[in-house]
């Protein structure tokens, strides 16, 4: 199986295997953030880590994304 890469979006100096690894990690991070969000939806209101509201929701989303990113960088 051969993968075609668009040269317009390729990173300078990176070979296709490194590009694929980087994109795979970003995709895995996105999936993990979605899993965290779905799990957080199962927690009853008022029993989460931070208060609810737009600022609290934004903080939780950013926190989930950061934790997911850190979890996928390690291997």
PDB file of N, CA and C in Angstrom:
ATOM      1  N   UNK A   1       0.840  -1.175   0.000  1.00  0.00           N
ATOM      2  CA  UNK A   1       0.000   0.000   0.000  1.00  0.00           C
ATOM      3  C   UNK A   1       0.887   1.241   0.000  1.00  0.00           C
ATOM      4  N   UNK A   2       0.598   2.160  -0.882  1.00  0.00           N
ATOM      5  CA  UNK A   2       1.393   3.371  -0.983  1.00  0.00           C
ATOM      6  C   UNK A   2       0.510   4.580  -0.686  1.00  0.00           C
ATOM      7  N   UNK A   3       1.018   5.483   0.130  1.00  0.00           N
ATOM      8  CA  UNK A   3       0.282   6.694   0.479  1.00  0.00           C
ATOM      9  C   UNK A   3       0.813   7.858  -0.342  1.00  0.00           C
ATOM     10  N   UNK A   4      -0.098   8.651  -0.874  1.00  0.00           N
ATOM     11  CA  UNK A   4       0.296   9.835  -1.625  1.00  0.00           C
ATOM     12  C   UNK A   4       0.222  11.045  -0.703  1.00  0.00           C
ATOM     13  N   UNK A   5       1.210  11.892  -0.776  1.00  0.00           N
ATOM     14  CA  UNK A   5       1.250  13.087   0.054  1.00  0.00           C
ATOM     15  C   UNK A   5       1.152  14.314  -0.832  1.00  0.00           C
ATOM     16  N   UNK A   6       0.425  15.284  -0.376  1.00  0.00           N
ATOM     17  CA  UNK A   6       0.274  16.539  -1.090  1.00  0.00           C
ATOM     18  C   UNK A   6       1.502  17.398  -0.801  1.00  0.00           C
ATOM     19  N   UNK A   7       2.316  17.740  -1.809  1.00  0.00           N
ATOM     20  CA  UNK A   7       3.525  18.514  -1.539  1.00  0.00           C
ATOM     21  C   UNK A   7       3.253  19.924  -1.040  1.00  0.00           C
ATOM     22  N   UNK A   8       2.050  20.438  -1.250  1.00  0.00           N
ATOM     23  CA  UNK A   8       1.730  21.785  -0.800  1.00  0.00           C
ATOM     24  C   UNK A   8       1.583  21.867   0.711  1.00  0.00           C
ATOM     25  N   UNK A   9       1.273  20.759   1.361  1.00  0.00           N
ATOM     26  CA  UNK A   9       1.086  20.772   2.809  1.00  0.00           C
ATOM     27  C   UNK A   9       2.202  20.048   3.549  1.00  0.00           C
ATOM     28  N   UNK A  10       3.241  19.642   2.828  1.00  0.00           N
ATOM     29  CA  UNK A  10       4.327  18.916   3.487  1.00  0.00           C
ATOM     30  C   UNK A  10       5.196  19.864   4.302  1.00  0.00           C
ATOM     31  N   UNK A  11       5.667  19.344   5.409  1.00  0.00           N
ATOM     32  CA  UNK A  11       6.555  20.121   6.277  1.00  0.00           C
ATOM     33  C   UNK A  11       7.944  20.147   5.651  1.00  0.00           C
ATOM     34  N   UNK A  12       8.607  21.255   5.756  1.00  0.00           N
ATOM     35  CA  UNK A  12       9.938  21.392   5.166  1.00  0.00           C
ATOM     36  C   UNK A  12      10.925  20.466   5.862  1.00  0.00           C
ATOM     37  N   UNK A  13      11.618  19.658   5.089  1.00  0.00           N
ATOM     38  CA  UNK A  13      12.650  18.796   5.626  1.00  0.00           C
ATOM     39  C   UNK A  13      12.152  17.506   6.257  1.00  0.00           C
ATOM     40  N   UNK A  14      10.858  17.290   6.353  1.00  0.00           N
ATOM     41  CA  UNK A  14      10.330  16.071   6.983  1.00  0.00           C
ATOM     42  C   UNK A  14      10.046  15.035   5.905  1.00  0.00           C
ATOM     43  N   UNK A  15      10.405  13.795   6.204  1.00  0.00           N
ATOM     44  CA  UNK A  15      10.097  12.751   5.238  1.00  0.00           C
ATOM     45  C   UNK A  15       8.645  12.293   5.439  1.00  0.00           C
ATOM     46  N   UNK A  16       8.088  11.593   4.466  1.00  0.00           N
ATOM     47  CA  UNK A  16       6.670  11.201   4.559  1.00  0.00           C
ATOM     48  C   UNK A  16       6.331  10.371   5.802  1.00  0.00           C
ATOM     49  N   UNK A  17       7.253   9.538   6.240  1.00  0.00           N
ATOM     50  CA  UNK A  17       6.991   8.721   7.420  1.00  0.00           C
ATOM     51  C   UNK A  17       6.856   9.591   8.668  1.00  0.00           C
ATOM     52  N   UNK A  18       7.704  10.608   8.798  1.00  0.00           N
ATOM     53  CA  UNK A  18       7.621  11.527   9.941  1.00  0.00           C
ATOM     54  C   UNK A  18       6.340  12.350   9.886  1.00  0.00           C
ATOM     55  N   UNK A  19       5.954  12.762   8.677  1.00  0.00           N
ATOM     56  CA  UNK A  19       4.707  13.506   8.513  1.00  0.00           C
ATOM     57  C   UNK A  19       3.516  12.653   8.929  1.00  0.00           C
ATOM     58  N   UNK A  20       3.506  11.403   8.486  1.00  0.00           N
ATOM     59  CA  UNK A  20       2.409  10.502   8.822  1.00  0.00           C
ATOM     60  C   UNK A  20       2.342  10.259  10.322  1.00  0.00           C
ATOM     61  N   UNK A  21       3.497  10.109  10.961  1.00  0.00           N
ATOM     62  CA  UNK A  21       3.529   9.906  12.415  1.00  0.00           C
ATOM     63  C   UNK A  21       2.966  11.129  13.135  1.00  0.00           C
ATOM     64  N   UNK A  22       3.361  12.326  12.707  1.00  0.00           N
ATOM     65  CA  UNK A  22       2.866  13.544  13.330  1.00  0.00           C
ATOM     66  C   UNK A  22       1.362  13.709  13.163  1.00  0.00           C
ATOM     67  N   UNK A  23       0.885  13.451  11.956  1.00  0.00           N
ATOM     68  CA  UNK A  23      -0.558  13.553  11.714  1.00  0.00           C
ATOM     69  C   UNK A  23      -1.333  12.496  12.490  1.00  0.00           C
ATOM     70  N   UNK A  24      -0.761  11.310  12.601  1.00  0.00           N
ATOM     71  CA  UNK A  24      -1.416  10.244  13.367  1.00  0.00           C
ATOM     72  C   UNK A  24      -1.531  10.613  14.839  1.00  0.00           C
ATOM     73  N   UNK A  25      -0.480  11.225  15.387  1.00  0.00           N
ATOM     74  CA  UNK A  25      -0.523  11.644  16.787  1.00  0.00           C
ATOM     75  C   UNK A  25      -1.567  12.736  17.001  1.00  0.00           C
ATOM     76  N   UNK A  26      -1.674  13.663  16.067  1.00  0.00           N
ATOM     77  CA  UNK A  26      -2.685  14.713  16.181  1.00  0.00           C
ATOM     78  C   UNK A  26      -4.088  14.127  16.115  1.00  0.00           C
ATOM     79  N   UNK A  27      -4.295  13.161  15.227  1.00  0.00           N
ATOM     80  CA  UNK A  27      -5.604  12.520  15.103  1.00  0.00           C
ATOM     81  C   UNK A  27      -5.940  11.738  16.368  1.00  0.00           C
ATOM     82  N   UNK A  28      -4.966  11.011  16.899  1.00  0.00           N
ATOM     83  CA  UNK A  28      -5.179  10.265  18.138  1.00  0.00           C
ATOM     84  C   UNK A  28      -5.502  11.213  19.292  1.00  0.00           C
ATOM     85  N   UNK A  29      -4.829  12.340  19.336  1.00  0.00           N
ATOM     86  CA  UNK A  29      -5.094  13.339  20.364  1.00  0.00           C
ATOM     87  C   UNK A  29      -6.518  13.867  20.256  1.00  0.00           C
ATOM     88  N   UNK A  30      -6.972  14.117  19.039  1.00  0.00           N
ATOM     89  CA  UNK A  30      -8.340  14.585  18.817  1.00  0.00           C
ATOM     90  C   UNK A  30      -9.351  13.540  19.279  1.00  0.00           C
ATOM     91  N   UNK A  31      -9.102  12.282  18.955  1.00  0.00           N
ATOM     92  CA  UNK A  31      -9.997  11.206  19.391  1.00  0.00           C
ATOM     93  C   UNK A  31     -10.042  11.095  20.917  1.00  0.00           C
ATOM     94  N   UNK A  32      -8.886  11.195  21.560  1.00  0.00           N
ATOM     95  CA  UNK A  32      -8.851  11.109  23.016  1.00  0.00           C
ATOM     96  C   UNK A  32      -9.598  12.276  23.657  1.00  0.00           C
ATOM     97  N   UNK A  33      -9.476  13.464  23.086  1.00  0.00           N
ATOM     98  CA  UNK A  33     -10.204  14.623  23.608  1.00  0.00           C
ATOM     99  C   UNK A  33     -11.712  14.393  23.487  1.00  0.00           C
ATOM    100  N   UNK A  34     -12.146  13.771  22.407  1.00  0.00           N
ATOM    101  CA  UNK A  34     -13.563  13.460  22.237  1.00  0.00           C
ATOM    102  C   UNK A  34     -14.029  12.427  23.267  1.00  0.00           C
ATOM    103  N   UNK A  35     -13.175  11.448  23.560  1.00  0.00           N
ATOM    104  CA  UNK A  35     -13.502  10.442  24.575  1.00  0.00           C
ATOM    105  C   UNK A  35     -13.633  11.113  25.942  1.00  0.00           C
ATOM    106  N   UNK A  36     -12.697  12.003  26.270  1.00  0.00           N
ATOM    107  CA  UNK A  36     -12.774  12.717  27.546  1.00  0.00           C
ATOM    108  C   UNK A  36     -14.045  13.537  27.635  1.00  0.00           C
ATOM    109  N   UNK A  37     -14.400  14.194  26.548  1.00  0.00           N
ATOM    110  CA  UNK A  37     -15.615  15.010  26.523  1.00  0.00           C
ATOM    111  C   UNK A  37     -16.853  14.137  26.728  1.00  0.00           C
ATOM    112  N   UNK A  38     -16.895  12.986  26.075  1.00  0.00           N
ATOM    113  CA  UNK A  38     -18.035  12.080  26.229  1.00  0.00           C
ATOM    114  C   UNK A  38     -18.111  11.537  27.656  1.00  0.00           C
ATOM    115  N   UNK A  39     -16.962  11.235  28.250  1.00  0.00           N
ATOM    116  CA  UNK A  39     -16.964  10.748  29.628  1.00  0.00           C
ATOM    117  C   UNK A  39     -17.417  11.844  30.584  1.00  0.00           C
ATOM    118  N   UNK A  40     -16.992  13.077  30.324  1.00  0.00           N
ATOM    119  CA  UNK A  40     -17.369  14.192  31.185  1.00  0.00           C
ATOM    120  C   UNK A  40     -18.882  14.438  31.135  1.00  0.00           C
ATOM    121  N   UNK A  41     -19.497  14.151  29.993  1.00  0.00           N
ATOM    122  CA  UNK A  41     -20.949  14.330  29.868  1.00  0.00           C
ATOM    123  C   UNK A  41     -21.737  13.380  30.776  1.00  0.00           C
ATOM    124  N   UNK A  42     -21.101  12.307  31.239  1.00  0.00           N
ATOM    125  CA  UNK A  42     -21.792  11.354  32.109  1.00  0.00           C
ATOM    126  C   UNK A  42     -21.789  11.791  33.568  1.00  0.00           C
ATOM    127  N   UNK A  43     -20.971  12.797  33.916  1.00  0.00           N
ATOM    128  CA  UNK A  43     -20.891  13.289  35.294  1.00  0.00           C
ATOM    129  C   UNK A  43     -22.076  14.219  35.551  1.00  0.00           C
ATOM    130  N   UNK A  44     -22.810  14.000  36.644  1.00  0.00           N
ATOM    131  CA  UNK A  44     -23.942  14.885  36.948  1.00  0.00           C
ATOM    132  C   UNK A  44     -23.511  16.333  37.148  1.00  0.00           C
ATOM    133  N   UNK A  45     -24.411  17.257  36.861  1.00  0.00           N
ATOM    134  CA  UNK A  45     -24.122  18.685  37.003  1.00  0.00           C
ATOM    135  C   UNK A  45     -23.697  19.020  38.434  1.00  0.00           C
ATOM    136  N   UNK A  46     -22.715  19.875  38.577  1.00  0.00           N
ATOM    137  CA  UNK A  46     -22.263  20.316  39.885  1.00  0.00           C
ATOM    138  C   UNK A  46     -21.268  19.393  40.558  1.00  0.00           C
ATOM    139  N   UNK A  47     -20.926  18.258  39.936  1.00  0.00           N
ATOM    140  CA  UNK A  47     -19.987  17.320  40.544  1.00  0.00           C
ATOM    141  C   UNK A  47     -18.696  17.205  39.745  1.00  0.00           C
ATOM    142  N   UNK A  48     -18.453  18.155  38.844  1.00  0.00           N
ATOM    143  CA  UNK A  48     -17.244  18.131  38.035  1.00  0.00           C
ATOM    144  C   UNK A  48     -16.068  18.757  38.763  1.00  0.00           C
ATOM    145  N   UNK A  49     -14.976  18.895  38.056  1.00  0.00           N
ATOM    146  CA  UNK A  49     -13.758  19.452  38.631  1.00  0.00           C
ATOM    147  C   UNK A  49     -13.877  20.969  38.783  1.00  0.00           C
ATOM    148  N   UNK A  50     -14.450  21.630  37.797  1.00  0.00           N
ATOM    149  CA  UNK A  50     -14.596  23.087  37.836  1.00  0.00           C
ATOM    150  C   UNK A  50     -16.068  23.449  37.718  1.00  0.00           C
ATOM    151  N   UNK A  51     -16.384  24.693  38.074  1.00  0.00           N
ATOM    152  CA  UNK A  51     -17.756  25.166  37.988  1.00  0.00           C
ATOM    153  C   UNK A  51     -18.219  25.186  36.542  1.00  0.00           C
ATOM    154  N   UNK A  52     -19.527  25.076  36.370  1.00  0.00           N
ATOM    155  CA  UNK A  52     -20.080  25.130  35.030  1.00  0.00           C
ATOM    156  C   UNK A  52     -20.214  26.573  34.582  1.00  0.00           C
ATOM    157  N   UNK A  53     -20.626  26.756  33.377  1.00  0.00           N
ATOM    158  CA  UNK A  53     -20.720  28.075  32.777  1.00  0.00           C
ATOM    159  C   UNK A  53     -19.812  28.107  31.560  1.00  0.00           C
ATOM    160  N   UNK A  54     -19.860  29.185  30.824  1.00  0.00           N
ATOM    161  CA  UNK A  54     -19.077  29.226  29.583  1.00  0.00           C
ATOM    162  C   UNK A  54     -17.576  29.178  29.856  1.00  0.00           C
ATOM    163  N   UNK A  55     -17.116  29.874  30.891  1.00  0.00           N
ATOM    164  CA  UNK A  55     -15.688  29.857  31.206  1.00  0.00           C
ATOM    165  C   UNK A  55     -15.253  28.474  31.701  1.00  0.00           C
ATOM    166  N   UNK A  56     -16.076  27.858  32.537  1.00  0.00           N
ATOM    167  CA  UNK A  56     -15.758  26.520  33.039  1.00  0.00           C
ATOM    168  C   UNK A  56     -15.762  25.484  31.929  1.00  0.00           C
ATOM    169  N   UNK A  57     -16.718  25.592  31.018  1.00  0.00           N
ATOM    170  CA  UNK A  57     -16.775  24.665  29.887  1.00  0.00           C
ATOM    171  C   UNK A  57     -15.555  24.821  28.984  1.00  0.00           C
ATOM    172  N   UNK A  58     -15.155  26.067  28.757  1.00  0.00           N
ATOM    173  CA  UNK A  58     -13.986  26.316  27.923  1.00  0.00           C
ATOM    174  C   UNK A  58     -12.730  25.765  28.606  1.00  0.00           C
ATOM    175  N   UNK A  59     -12.610  25.971  29.899  1.00  0.00           N
ATOM    176  CA  UNK A  59     -11.452  25.452  30.636  1.00  0.00           C
ATOM    177  C   UNK A  59     -11.409  23.929  30.557  1.00  0.00           C
ATOM    178  N   UNK A  60     -12.545  23.275  30.753  1.00  0.00           N
ATOM    179  CA  UNK A  60     -12.578  21.819  30.692  1.00  0.00           C
ATOM    180  C   UNK A  60     -12.194  21.315  29.313  1.00  0.00           C
ATOM    181  N   UNK A  61     -12.659  21.991  28.263  1.00  0.00           N
ATOM    182  CA  UNK A  61     -12.323  21.595  26.904  1.00  0.00           C
ATOM    183  C   UNK A  61     -10.823  21.740  26.655  1.00  0.00           C
ATOM    184  N   UNK A  62     -10.251  22.865  27.071  1.00  0.00           N
ATOM    185  CA  UNK A  62      -8.814  23.068  26.900  1.00  0.00           C
ATOM    186  C   UNK A  62      -8.005  22.060  27.720  1.00  0.00           C
ATOM    187  N   UNK A  63      -8.473  21.775  28.932  1.00  0.00           N
ATOM    188  CA  UNK A  63      -7.806  20.794  29.788  1.00  0.00           C
ATOM    189  C   UNK A  63      -7.829  19.415  29.137  1.00  0.00           C
ATOM    190  N   UNK A  64      -8.993  19.010  28.623  1.00  0.00           N
ATOM    191  CA  UNK A  64      -9.119  17.708  27.968  1.00  0.00           C
ATOM    192  C   UNK A  64      -8.187  17.603  26.764  1.00  0.00           C
ATOM    193  N   UNK A  65      -8.129  18.662  25.981  1.00  0.00           N
ATOM    194  CA  UNK A  65      -7.246  18.651  24.795  1.00  0.00           C
ATOM    195  C   UNK A  65      -5.783  18.548  25.190  1.00  0.00           C
ATOM    196  N   UNK A  66      -5.394  19.258  26.233  1.00  0.00           N
ATOM    197  CA  UNK A  66      -3.992  19.229  26.670  1.00  0.00           C
ATOM    198  C   UNK A  66      -3.619  17.857  27.219  1.00  0.00           C
ATOM    199  N   UNK A  67      -4.480  17.273  28.032  1.00  0.00           N
ATOM    200  CA  UNK A  67      -4.216  15.945  28.585  1.00  0.00           C
ATOM    201  C   UNK A  67      -4.155  14.906  27.457  1.00  0.00           C
ATOM    202  N   UNK A  68      -5.062  15.008  26.497  1.00  0.00           N
ATOM    203  CA  UNK A  68      -5.058  14.078  25.370  1.00  0.00           C
ATOM    204  C   UNK A  68      -3.784  14.232  24.553  1.00  0.00           C
ATOM    205  N   UNK A  69      -3.343  15.455  24.344  1.00  0.00           N
ATOM    206  CA  UNK A  69      -2.115  15.701  23.594  1.00  0.00           C
ATOM    207  C   UNK A  69      -0.899  15.132  24.323  1.00  0.00           C
ATOM    208  N   UNK A  70      -0.855  15.328  25.622  1.00  0.00           N
ATOM    209  CA  UNK A  70       0.259  14.799  26.402  1.00  0.00           C
ATOM    210  C   UNK A  70       0.254  13.275  26.410  1.00  0.00           C
ATOM    211  N   UNK A  71      -0.918  12.673  26.411  1.00  0.00           N
ATOM    212  CA  UNK A  71      -1.025  11.222  26.423  1.00  0.00           C
ATOM    213  C   UNK A  71      -0.614  10.581  25.128  1.00  0.00           C
ATOM    214  N   UNK A  72      -0.778  11.270  24.014  1.00  0.00           N
ATOM    215  CA  UNK A  72      -0.433  10.682  22.727  1.00  0.00           C
ATOM    216  C   UNK A  72       1.005  10.980  22.308  1.00  0.00           C
ATOM    217  N   UNK A  73       1.661  11.922  22.945  1.00  0.00           N
ATOM    218  CA  UNK A  73       3.040  12.247  22.587  1.00  0.00           C
ATOM    219  C   UNK A  73       4.024  11.195  23.090  1.00  0.00           C
ATOM    220  N   UNK A  74       3.653  10.493  24.143  1.00  0.00           N
ATOM    221  CA  UNK A  74       4.591   9.571  24.781  1.00  0.00           C
ATOM    222  C   UNK A  74       4.762   8.233  24.116  1.00  0.00           C
ATOM    223  N   UNK A  75       3.797   7.799  23.334  1.00  0.00           N
ATOM    224  CA  UNK A  75       3.941   6.516  22.659  1.00  0.00           C
ATOM    225  C   UNK A  75       3.142   5.418  23.237  1.00  0.00           C
TER     226      UNK A  75
END
